[in-house]
C-alpha atoms as a PDB file:
ATOM      1  CA  MET A   1     109.116 129.117  80.123  1.00  0.00           C
ATOM      2  CA  THR A   2     110.918 129.108  83.464  1.00  0.00           C
ATOM      3  CA  ILE A   3     110.225 126.726  86.349  1.00  0.00           C
ATOM      4  CA  SER A   4     108.737 129.629  88.300  1.00  0.00           C
ATOM      5  CA  GLY A   5     106.586 130.659  85.342  1.00  0.00           C
ATOM      6  CA  VAL A   6     105.151 127.160  84.963  1.00  0.00           C
ATOM      7  CA  ILE A   7     104.438 126.963  88.709  1.00  0.00           C
ATOM      8  CA  LYS A   8     102.535 130.269  88.510  1.00  0.00           C
ATOM      9  CA  LYS A   9     100.423 129.031  85.590  1.00  0.00           C
ATOM     10  CA  TRP A  10      99.801 125.697  87.346  1.00  0.00           C
ATOM     11  CA  LEU A  11      98.713 127.414  90.565  1.00  0.00           C
ATOM     12  CA  LEU A  12      96.399 129.790  88.697  1.00  0.00           C
ATOM     13  CA  ASN A  13      94.857 126.797  86.940  1.00  0.00           C
ATOM     14  CA  ARG A  14      94.295 125.019  90.289  1.00  0.00           C
ATOM     15  CA  LEU A  15      92.845 128.149  91.887  1.00  0.00           C
ATOM     16  CA  SER A  16      90.432 128.635  88.969  1.00  0.00           C
ATOM     17  CA  MET A  17      89.042 125.168  89.762  1.00  0.00           C
ATOM     18  CA  GLY A  18      88.626 126.027  93.458  1.00  0.00           C
ATOM     19  CA  ASN A  19      91.591 123.970  94.630  1.00  0.00           C
ATOM     20  CA  TYR A  20      93.386 125.969  97.336  1.00  0.00           C
ATOM     21  CA  HIS A  21      95.588 123.159  98.648  1.00  0.00           C
ATOM     22  CA  VAL A  22      98.850 121.815  97.237  1.00  0.00           C
ATOM     23  CA  ASN A  23     100.702 118.830  98.605  1.00  0.00           C
ATOM     24  CA  SER A  24     104.133 117.447  97.867  1.00  0.00           C
ATOM     25  CA  VAL A  25     102.647 114.571  95.865  1.00  0.00           C
ATOM     26  CA  ASP A  26     100.952 117.120  93.568  1.00  0.00           C
ATOM     27  CA  ILE A  27     104.313 118.811  92.979  1.00  0.00           C
ATOM     28  CA  GLU A  28     106.017 115.569  91.993  1.00  0.00           C
ATOM     29  CA  THR A  29     103.197 114.199  89.816  1.00  0.00           C
ATOM     30  CA  SER A  30     100.539 116.683  88.699  1.00  0.00           C
ATOM     31  CA  LEU A  31     102.935 119.597  88.155  1.00  0.00           C
ATOM     32  CA  VAL A  32     105.376 117.388  86.238  1.00  0.00           C
ATOM     33  CA  HIS A  33     102.593 116.226  83.873  1.00  0.00           C
ATOM     34  CA  TYR A  34     101.137 119.743  83.522  1.00  0.00           C
ATOM     35  CA  ALA A  35     104.515 121.218  82.568  1.00  0.00           C
ATOM     36  CA  LYS A  36     105.158 118.529  79.983  1.00  0.00           C
ATOM     37  CA  GLU A  37     101.670 118.554  78.469  1.00  0.00           C
ATOM     38  CA  TYR A  38     100.944 122.278  78.331  1.00  0.00           C
ATOM     39  CA  TRP A  39     104.369 123.909  78.175  1.00  0.00           C
ATOM     40  CA  ASP A  40     106.626 121.161  76.784  1.00  0.00           C
ATOM     41  CA  VAL A  41     108.915 121.610  79.802  1.00  0.00           C
ATOM     42  CA  MET A  42     110.467 118.379  81.022  1.00  0.00           C
ATOM     43  CA  SER A  43     112.224 118.235  84.380  1.00  0.00           C
ATOM     44  CA  THR A  44     112.570 115.669  87.116  1.00  0.00           C
ATOM     45  CA  PRO A  45     110.159 115.652  90.075  1.00  0.00           C
ATOM     46  CA  SER A  46     112.987 116.751  92.373  1.00  0.00           C
ATOM     47  CA  THR A  47     113.655 119.762  90.116  1.00  0.00           C
ATOM     48  CA  TRP A  48     110.018 120.799  90.514  1.00  0.00           C
ATOM     49  CA  SER A  49     110.243 120.302  94.290  1.00  0.00           C
ATOM     50  CA  ARG A  50     113.288 122.583  94.450  1.00  0.00           C
ATOM     51  CA  GLY A  51     111.498 125.079  92.242  1.00  0.00           C
ATOM     52  CA  TRP A  52     108.489 124.997  94.575  1.00  0.00           C
ATOM     53  CA  ARG A  53     110.698 125.643  97.617  1.00  0.00           C
ATOM     54  CA  ASP A  54     112.391 128.574  95.876  1.00  0.00           C
ATOM     55  CA  PHE A  55     109.039 129.888  94.647  1.00  0.00           C
ATOM     56  CA  ARG A  56     107.737 130.007  98.225  1.00  0.00           C
ATOM     57  CA  ARG A  57     110.976 131.290  99.754  1.00  0.00           C
ATOM     58  CA  LEU A  58     111.324 134.147  97.250  1.00  0.00           C
ATOM     59  CA  GLN A  59     107.573 134.869  97.419  1.00  0.00           C
ATOM     60  CA  GLU A  60     107.326 134.820  93.638  1.00  0.00           C
ATOM     61  CA  TYR A  61     103.564 134.352  94.002  1.00  0.00           C
ATOM     62  CA  LYS A  62     102.917 137.965  95.072  1.00  0.00           C
ATOM     63  CA  ASP A  63     102.321 139.131  91.484  1.00  0.00           C
ATOM     64  CA  ILE A  64      99.521 136.609  90.847  1.00  0.00           C
ATOM     65  CA  ASP A  65      97.184 137.712  93.666  1.00  0.00           C
ATOM     66  CA  ILE A  66      98.343 135.093  96.162  1.00  0.00           C
ATOM     67  CA  VAL A  67      98.775 136.570  99.625  1.00  0.00           C
ATOM     68  CA  SER A  68     100.490 133.631 101.274  1.00  0.00           C
ATOM     69  CA  ILE A  69     101.348 129.960 101.035  1.00  0.00           C
ATOM     70  CA  SER A  70     101.338 128.353 104.477  1.00  0.00           C
ATOM     71  CA  GLU A  71     102.124 124.812 105.496  1.00  0.00           C
ATOM     72  CA  GLN A  72      99.217 122.931 107.050  1.00  0.00           C
ATOM     73  CA  LYS A  73      99.643 120.382 109.819  1.00  0.00           C
ATOM     74  CA  THR A  74      98.263 116.997 108.787  1.00  0.00           C
ATOM     75  CA  LYS A  75      98.757 113.384 109.816  1.00  0.00           C
ATOM     76  CA  LYS A  76      99.860 112.480 106.298  1.00  0.00           C
ATOM     77  CA  ARG A  77     103.408 111.538 105.370  1.00  0.00           C
ATOM     78  CA  TYR A  78     103.558 114.353 102.841  1.00  0.00           C
ATOM     79  CA  LYS A  79     103.420 118.122 103.274  1.00  0.00           C
ATOM     80  CA  THR A  80     100.360 120.184 102.428  1.00  0.00           C
ATOM     81  CA  TRP A  81     100.158 123.938 101.831  1.00  0.00           C
ATOM     82  CA  LEU A  82      97.173 126.292 101.869  1.00  0.00           C
ATOM     83  CA  ILE A  83      97.100 128.941  99.147  1.00  0.00           C
ATOM     84  CA  GLU A  84      95.541 132.186 100.371  1.00  0.00           C
ATOM     85  CA  THR A  85      94.428 134.726  97.785  1.00  0.00           C
ATOM     86  CA  GLY A  86      93.674 138.410  98.144  1.00  0.00           C
END
């Protein structure tokens, strides 16, 4: 399974639980564990962060009923994105 493929599955799993926000901490912890546990894909947290940036930049989410992924302004030290579905 590709990095992009795992990110799609992870996002769909989060959306099915009503979680429409992703932050950079989730990418470097939750996604890493999800990939290893469910798909036996092991990569470093920075690899997943790069994959997330590419996923957003290339809009690879369009085929899974996500309309947009937009960065939200917060006072936190990490970035947060809102996932908008169609």
